[in-house]
Structures are given as C-alpha cells and as structure tokens.
Amino acid sequence: MATDSGSSSTVDFVAEVKRRAEVKVAEYYQLLHEQRRTELRLESIKKYIGHLNNFLAGEDEQPVILKEIPKGSPVGKPGNRAKDFPLRKPEFEGMTLDEIIKTILDKSPNEIYHGDVIAYKIYEIQSKSDLIKVRRSLVSTLRRGAKKGLWEFVPRNKYKGKVVVEQGRLVRT
C-alpha cells in the first residue's frame, strides 16, 4: 500500500511543531522557576542590606542606599508598543530611547549608522517582522533627535553622533 507523500510530510510537520511547542513549554517553566529563585534571593539580599544599615546607623554612619530600577523600560519587558514588540537589550535597561541612541552614536562619533543598524543594536530582533515593528518608532525618534540637535542626520536614513569643534578641539555633545 503506497503512502501519500503530502500526507506524510504534513504529519512530520505537525510532529515537529508539537515537539517545538513542548520544548518552549519546558523552557517557560524553567524561566519561571529561575525568576522565582531570583526574586527570593533579591528579597534576602534586601533584608541583609537592611540589617547592615541598622548597624551603620548605630555607629552614626550613613546607610547604604539601595536604588530601585526605574519601571520605564525594564529588561525582559516588551518595548513601549504592542505586546509582541521586540525586547530591548539588557545594557539599555532603564534608559530612554533618546539616551540609548545618543550613547550608541557618541561611542563612534565619526561612524555613520543606518537606522536599521541602530535598531539591531538596541533591540533583540529575531525576524524581518520584528525589524518592521521597531522601525517606525525608531525612525521617528531618530528624526526628532536630529531636529533637536542630539545627533546629526545624514541622507538616506543614516545618523551619526554630533561633534562640535570648540577652539581647535573636538567636543562631543
């Protein structure tokens, strides 16, 4: 009895999709477990810092201040748009998009960056559709920043850090 090759490949495809879904479910539960462990550890460290600060107060010393991470753009959360917006890279935690772009462009003030290259530096882009989602917001911010003088616009959707010549020396702004 001959088997239909189209039917066989459909079965293989469905099996592969199911296998991938099971792998992702396992990964999801592993990450939840790691998150819970991290939360417990953070609370423990916070309490320990509190005890150390009590001791310091008893010695008339200034306490150690524990700064909270701003809620604006936490790592692991989508960008400021839709739920499926790509994640920002961890090094840009708590920074505004203007600050992130300025940081990238100021690192290499003579380098010219296309908007898409900047997108890949900021976000964890996995596909063309991720790039398209990011592009509209990013291009708008890049143009606005260039108008404000935060960085320079170069034709063809390219940008570079702003460098000012001040009495014979280059100064980053």
C-alpha atoms as a PDB file:
ATOM      1  CA  MET A   1       0.000   0.000   0.000  1.00  0.00           C
ATOM      2  CA  ALA A   2       1.554   3.317  -1.072  1.00  0.00           C
ATOM      3  CA  THR A   3       1.530   6.259   1.300  1.00  0.00           C
ATOM      4  CA  ASP A   4       0.723   9.722   0.136  1.00  0.00           C
ATOM      5  CA  SER A   5       3.926  11.804   0.439  1.00  0.00           C
ATOM      6  CA  GLY A   6       1.919  15.010   1.041  1.00  0.00           C
ATOM      7  CA  SER A   7       0.140  13.429   3.972  1.00  0.00           C
ATOM      8  CA  SER A   8       3.420  12.076   5.365  1.00  0.00           C
ATOM      9  CA  SER A   9       5.123  15.467   5.214  1.00  0.00           C
ATOM     10  CA  THR A  10       2.107  17.081   6.916  1.00  0.00           C
ATOM     11  CA  VAL A  11       2.321  14.552   9.735  1.00  0.00           C
ATOM     12  CA  ASP A  12       6.075  15.213  10.066  1.00  0.00           C
ATOM     13  CA  PHE A  13       5.461  18.956  10.111  1.00  0.00           C
ATOM     14  CA  VAL A  14       2.767  18.690  12.791  1.00  0.00           C
ATOM     15  CA  ALA A  15       5.031  16.438  14.875  1.00  0.00           C
ATOM     16  CA  GLU A  16       7.867  18.977  14.597  1.00  0.00           C
ATOM     17  CA  VAL A  17       5.566  21.842  15.623  1.00  0.00           C
ATOM     18  CA  LYS A  18       4.373  19.821  18.614  1.00  0.00           C
ATOM     19  CA  ARG A  19       7.966  18.984  19.599  1.00  0.00           C
ATOM     20  CA  ARG A  20       8.966  22.665  19.411  1.00  0.00           C
ATOM     21  CA  ALA A  21       5.928  23.685  21.483  1.00  0.00           C
ATOM     22  CA  GLU A  22       6.874  21.136  24.159  1.00  0.00           C
ATOM     23  CA  VAL A  23      10.457  22.458  24.227  1.00  0.00           C
ATOM     24  CA  LYS A  24       9.167  26.017  24.660  1.00  0.00           C
ATOM     25  CA  VAL A  25       6.807  24.968  27.459  1.00  0.00           C
ATOM     26  CA  ALA A  26       9.738  23.353  29.281  1.00  0.00           C
ATOM     27  CA  GLU A  27      11.820  26.496  28.737  1.00  0.00           C
ATOM     28  CA  TYR A  28       8.955  28.641  30.022  1.00  0.00           C
ATOM     29  CA  TYR A  29       8.668  26.648  33.264  1.00  0.00           C
ATOM     30  CA  GLN A  30      12.434  26.701  33.728  1.00  0.00           C
ATOM     31  CA  LEU A  31      12.464  30.500  33.366  1.00  0.00           C
ATOM     32  CA  LEU A  32       9.556  30.853  35.811  1.00  0.00           C
ATOM     33  CA  HIS A  33      11.497  28.755  38.324  1.00  0.00           C
ATOM     34  CA  GLU A  34      14.645  30.873  37.816  1.00  0.00           C
ATOM     35  CA  GLN A  35      12.591  34.053  38.179  1.00  0.00           C
ATOM     36  CA  ARG A  36      11.130  32.874  41.485  1.00  0.00           C
ATOM     37  CA  ARG A  37      14.580  31.903  42.788  1.00  0.00           C
ATOM     38  CA  THR A  38      15.930  35.312  41.768  1.00  0.00           C
ATOM     39  CA  GLU A  39      13.032  37.119  43.473  1.00  0.00           C
ATOM     40  CA  LEU A  40      13.645  35.191  46.698  1.00  0.00           C
ATOM     41  CA  ARG A  41      17.352  35.926  46.527  1.00  0.00           C
ATOM     42  CA  LEU A  42      16.707  39.638  45.929  1.00  0.00           C
ATOM     43  CA  GLU A  43      14.443  39.796  48.985  1.00  0.00           C
ATOM     44  CA  SER A  44      17.076  38.042  51.077  1.00  0.00           C
ATOM     45  CA  ILE A  45      19.777  40.480  49.973  1.00  0.00           C
ATOM     46  CA  LYS A  46      17.460  43.435  50.624  1.00  0.00           C
ATOM     47  CA  LYS A  47      16.904  42.220  54.208  1.00  0.00           C
ATOM     48  CA  TYR A  48      20.634  41.732  54.702  1.00  0.00           C
ATOM     49  CA  ILE A  49      21.320  45.290  53.497  1.00  0.00           C
ATOM     50  CA  GLY A  50      18.666  46.470  55.969  1.00  0.00           C
ATOM     51  CA  HIS A  51      20.495  44.718  58.823  1.00  0.00           C
ATOM     52  CA  LEU A  52      23.814  46.228  57.736  1.00  0.00           C
ATOM     53  CA  ASN A  53      22.216  49.678  57.563  1.00  0.00           C
ATOM     54  CA  ASN A  54      20.845  49.236  61.103  1.00  0.00           C
ATOM     55  CA  PHE A  55      24.381  48.525  62.284  1.00  0.00           C
ATOM     56  CA  LEU A  56      25.718  51.551  60.393  1.00  0.00           C
ATOM     57  CA  ALA A  57      23.018  53.774  61.930  1.00  0.00           C
ATOM     58  CA  GLY A  58      24.096  52.572  65.380  1.00  0.00           C
ATOM     59  CA  GLU A  59      27.629  53.692  64.532  1.00  0.00           C
ATOM     60  CA  ASP A  60      26.400  57.121  63.343  1.00  0.00           C
ATOM     61  CA  GLU A  61      27.289  56.255  59.747  1.00  0.00           C
ATOM     62  CA  GLN A  62      25.260  56.968  56.634  1.00  0.00           C
ATOM     63  CA  PRO A  63      23.229  53.971  55.419  1.00  0.00           C
ATOM     64  CA  VAL A  64      23.889  52.395  52.054  1.00  0.00           C
ATOM     65  CA  ILE A  65      21.130  53.452  49.677  1.00  0.00           C
ATOM     66  CA  LEU A  66      19.554  50.734  47.579  1.00  0.00           C
ATOM     67  CA  LYS A  67      18.375  52.292  44.324  1.00  0.00           C
ATOM     68  CA  GLU A  68      15.357  50.796  42.640  1.00  0.00           C
ATOM     69  CA  ILE A  69      15.480  50.153  38.903  1.00  0.00           C
ATOM     70  CA  PRO A  70      13.196  52.554  37.041  1.00  0.00           C
ATOM     71  CA  LYS A  71       9.992  50.990  35.794  1.00  0.00           C
ATOM     72  CA  GLY A  72      10.248  52.790  32.417  1.00  0.00           C
ATOM     73  CA  SER A  73      11.871  50.096  30.297  1.00  0.00           C
ATOM     74  CA  PRO A  74      12.785  47.084  32.378  1.00  0.00           C
ATOM     75  CA  VAL A  75      14.732  44.260  30.854  1.00  0.00           C
ATOM     76  CA  GLY A  76      12.562  41.364  29.803  1.00  0.00           C
ATOM     77  CA  LYS A  77       9.564  43.547  29.066  1.00  0.00           C
ATOM     78  CA  PRO A  78       8.402  44.454  25.576  1.00  0.00           C
ATOM     79  CA  GLY A  79       9.105  47.910  24.224  1.00  0.00           C
ATOM     80  CA  ASN A  80       6.596  50.687  24.702  1.00  0.00           C
ATOM     81  CA  ARG A  81       4.278  49.492  21.946  1.00  0.00           C
ATOM     82  CA  ALA A  82       2.415  46.256  21.376  1.00  0.00           C
ATOM     83  CA  LYS A  83       2.739  43.119  23.441  1.00  0.00           C
ATOM     84  CA  ASP A  84       4.818  41.436  20.738  1.00  0.00           C
ATOM     85  CA  PHE A  85       7.265  44.335  20.353  1.00  0.00           C
ATOM     86  CA  PRO A  86      10.889  43.067  20.433  1.00  0.00           C
ATOM     87  CA  LEU A  87      12.755  43.289  23.739  1.00  0.00           C
ATOM     88  CA  ARG A  88      15.444  45.858  24.390  1.00  0.00           C
ATOM     89  CA  LYS A  89      18.916  44.521  25.064  1.00  0.00           C
ATOM     90  CA  PRO A  90      19.882  44.373  28.770  1.00  0.00           C
ATOM     91  CA  GLU A  91      22.555  47.091  28.557  1.00  0.00           C
ATOM     92  CA  PHE A  92      19.826  49.634  27.813  1.00  0.00           C
ATOM     93  CA  GLU A  93      17.782  48.928  30.927  1.00  0.00           C
ATOM     94  CA  GLY A  94      16.143  51.999  32.404  1.00  0.00           C
ATOM     95  CA  MET A  95      17.226  54.319  29.576  1.00  0.00           C
ATOM     96  CA  THR A  96      15.007  56.365  27.282  1.00  0.00           C
ATOM     97  CA  LEU A  97      15.238  55.765  23.545  1.00  0.00           C
ATOM     98  CA  ASP A  98      16.921  59.171  23.100  1.00  0.00           C
ATOM     99  CA  GLU A  99      19.563  58.253  25.702  1.00  0.00           C
ATOM    100  CA  ILE A 100      20.166  54.876  24.081  1.00  0.00           C
ATOM    101  CA  ILE A 101      20.585  56.323  20.588  1.00  0.00           C
ATOM    102  CA  LYS A 102      22.867  59.095  21.844  1.00  0.00           C
ATOM    103  CA  THR A 103      25.001  56.519  23.674  1.00  0.00           C
ATOM    104  CA  ILE A 104      25.345  54.397  20.535  1.00  0.00           C
ATOM    105  CA  LEU A 105      26.148  57.325  18.250  1.00  0.00           C
ATOM    106  CA  ASP A 106      28.535  59.001  20.698  1.00  0.00           C
ATOM    107  CA  LYS A 107      30.632  55.836  21.048  1.00  0.00           C
ATOM    108  CA  SER A 108      31.816  56.338  17.457  1.00  0.00           C
ATOM    109  CA  PRO A 109      31.147  59.967  16.509  1.00  0.00           C
ATOM    110  CA  ASN A 110      32.746  59.614  13.071  1.00  0.00           C
ATOM    111  CA  GLU A 111      30.776  56.446  12.257  1.00  0.00           C
ATOM    112  CA  ILE A 112      27.581  56.758  10.204  1.00  0.00           C
ATOM    113  CA  TYR A 113      24.775  54.354  11.140  1.00  0.00           C
ATOM    114  CA  HIS A 114      21.723  53.380   9.126  1.00  0.00           C
ATOM    115  CA  GLY A 115      18.513  53.349  11.184  1.00  0.00           C
ATOM    116  CA  ASP A 116      18.208  49.564  10.807  1.00  0.00           C
ATOM    117  CA  VAL A 117      21.713  49.033  12.231  1.00  0.00           C
ATOM    118  CA  ILE A 118      20.754  51.130  15.245  1.00  0.00           C
ATOM    119  CA  ALA A 119      17.589  49.034  15.618  1.00  0.00           C
ATOM    120  CA  TYR A 120      19.656  45.829  15.767  1.00  0.00           C
ATOM    121  CA  LYS A 121      21.951  47.400  18.382  1.00  0.00           C
ATOM    122  CA  ILE A 122      19.004  48.341  20.645  1.00  0.00           C
ATOM    123  CA  TYR A 123      16.506  45.510  20.245  1.00  0.00           C
ATOM    124  CA  GLU A 124      16.632  41.732  20.199  1.00  0.00           C
ATOM    125  CA  ILE A 125      15.350  41.461  16.646  1.00  0.00           C
ATOM    126  CA  GLN A 126      14.649  37.900  15.549  1.00  0.00           C
ATOM    127  CA  SER A 127      12.903  38.425  12.218  1.00  0.00           C
ATOM    128  CA  LYS A 128      12.070  40.867   9.459  1.00  0.00           C
ATOM    129  CA  SER A 129       8.665  41.477  11.066  1.00  0.00           C
ATOM    130  CA  ASP A 130      10.424  42.475  14.326  1.00  0.00           C
ATOM    131  CA  LEU A 131      12.502  44.994  12.384  1.00  0.00           C
ATOM    132  CA  ILE A 132       9.393  46.429  10.746  1.00  0.00           C
ATOM    133  CA  LYS A 133       7.709  46.818  14.176  1.00  0.00           C
ATOM    134  CA  VAL A 134      10.717  48.668  15.575  1.00  0.00           C
ATOM    135  CA  ARG A 135      11.489  50.765  12.513  1.00  0.00           C
ATOM    136  CA  ARG A 136       8.529  53.184  12.668  1.00  0.00           C
ATOM    137  CA  SER A 137       9.128  54.202  16.278  1.00  0.00           C
ATOM    138  CA  LEU A 138      12.887  54.333  15.877  1.00  0.00           C
ATOM    139  CA  VAL A 139      12.894  56.400  12.676  1.00  0.00           C
ATOM    140  CA  SER A 140      10.521  58.885  14.278  1.00  0.00           C
ATOM    141  CA  THR A 141      12.794  59.191  17.329  1.00  0.00           C
ATOM    142  CA  LEU A 142      15.909  59.482  15.138  1.00  0.00           C
ATOM    143  CA  ARG A 143      14.412  62.318  13.090  1.00  0.00           C
ATOM    144  CA  ARG A 144      13.149  64.140  16.175  1.00  0.00           C
ATOM    145  CA  GLY A 145      16.565  63.825  17.863  1.00  0.00           C
ATOM    146  CA  ALA A 146      18.322  65.179  14.773  1.00  0.00           C
ATOM    147  CA  LYS A 147      15.971  68.172  14.739  1.00  0.00           C
ATOM    148  CA  LYS A 148      16.714  68.767  18.438  1.00  0.00           C
ATOM    149  CA  GLY A 149      20.437  68.636  17.681  1.00  0.00           C
ATOM    150  CA  LEU A 150      21.120  65.495  19.723  1.00  0.00           C
ATOM    151  CA  TRP A 151      22.806  63.848  16.709  1.00  0.00           C
ATOM    152  CA  GLU A 152      23.269  64.528  13.013  1.00  0.00           C
ATOM    153  CA  PHE A 153      21.127  63.342  10.115  1.00  0.00           C
ATOM    154  CA  VAL A 154      22.968  62.013   7.061  1.00  0.00           C
ATOM    155  CA  PRO A 155      20.896  61.438   3.897  1.00  0.00           C
ATOM    156  CA  ARG A 156      19.391  58.003   3.207  1.00  0.00           C
ATOM    157  CA  ASN A 157      18.146  57.344   6.766  1.00  0.00           C
ATOM    158  CA  LYS A 158      21.602  57.483   8.327  1.00  0.00           C
ATOM    159  CA  TYR A 159      22.729  59.202  11.509  1.00  0.00           C
ATOM    160  CA  LYS A 160      25.932  59.998  13.376  1.00  0.00           C
ATOM    161  CA  GLY A 161      26.959  61.449  16.708  1.00  0.00           C
ATOM    162  CA  LYS A 162      27.181  65.198  16.929  1.00  0.00           C
ATOM    163  CA  VAL A 163      30.690  66.563  17.155  1.00  0.00           C
ATOM    164  CA  VAL A 164      31.346  70.247  17.733  1.00  0.00           C
ATOM    165  CA  VAL A 165      34.654  71.979  17.075  1.00  0.00           C
ATOM    166  CA  GLU A 166      35.347  74.262  20.017  1.00  0.00           C
ATOM    167  CA  GLN A 167      38.501  76.391  19.914  1.00  0.00           C
ATOM    168  CA  GLY A 168      40.567  73.919  17.964  1.00  0.00           C
ATOM    169  CA  ARG A 169      39.389  70.721  19.691  1.00  0.00           C
ATOM    170  CA  LEU A 170      36.584  68.254  19.120  1.00  0.00           C
ATOM    171  CA  VAL A 171      33.894  68.157  21.773  1.00  0.00           C
ATOM    172  CA  ARG A 172      31.117  65.554  21.997  1.00  0.00           C
ATOM    173  CA  THR A 173      27.741  66.988  22.871  1.00  0.00           C
END
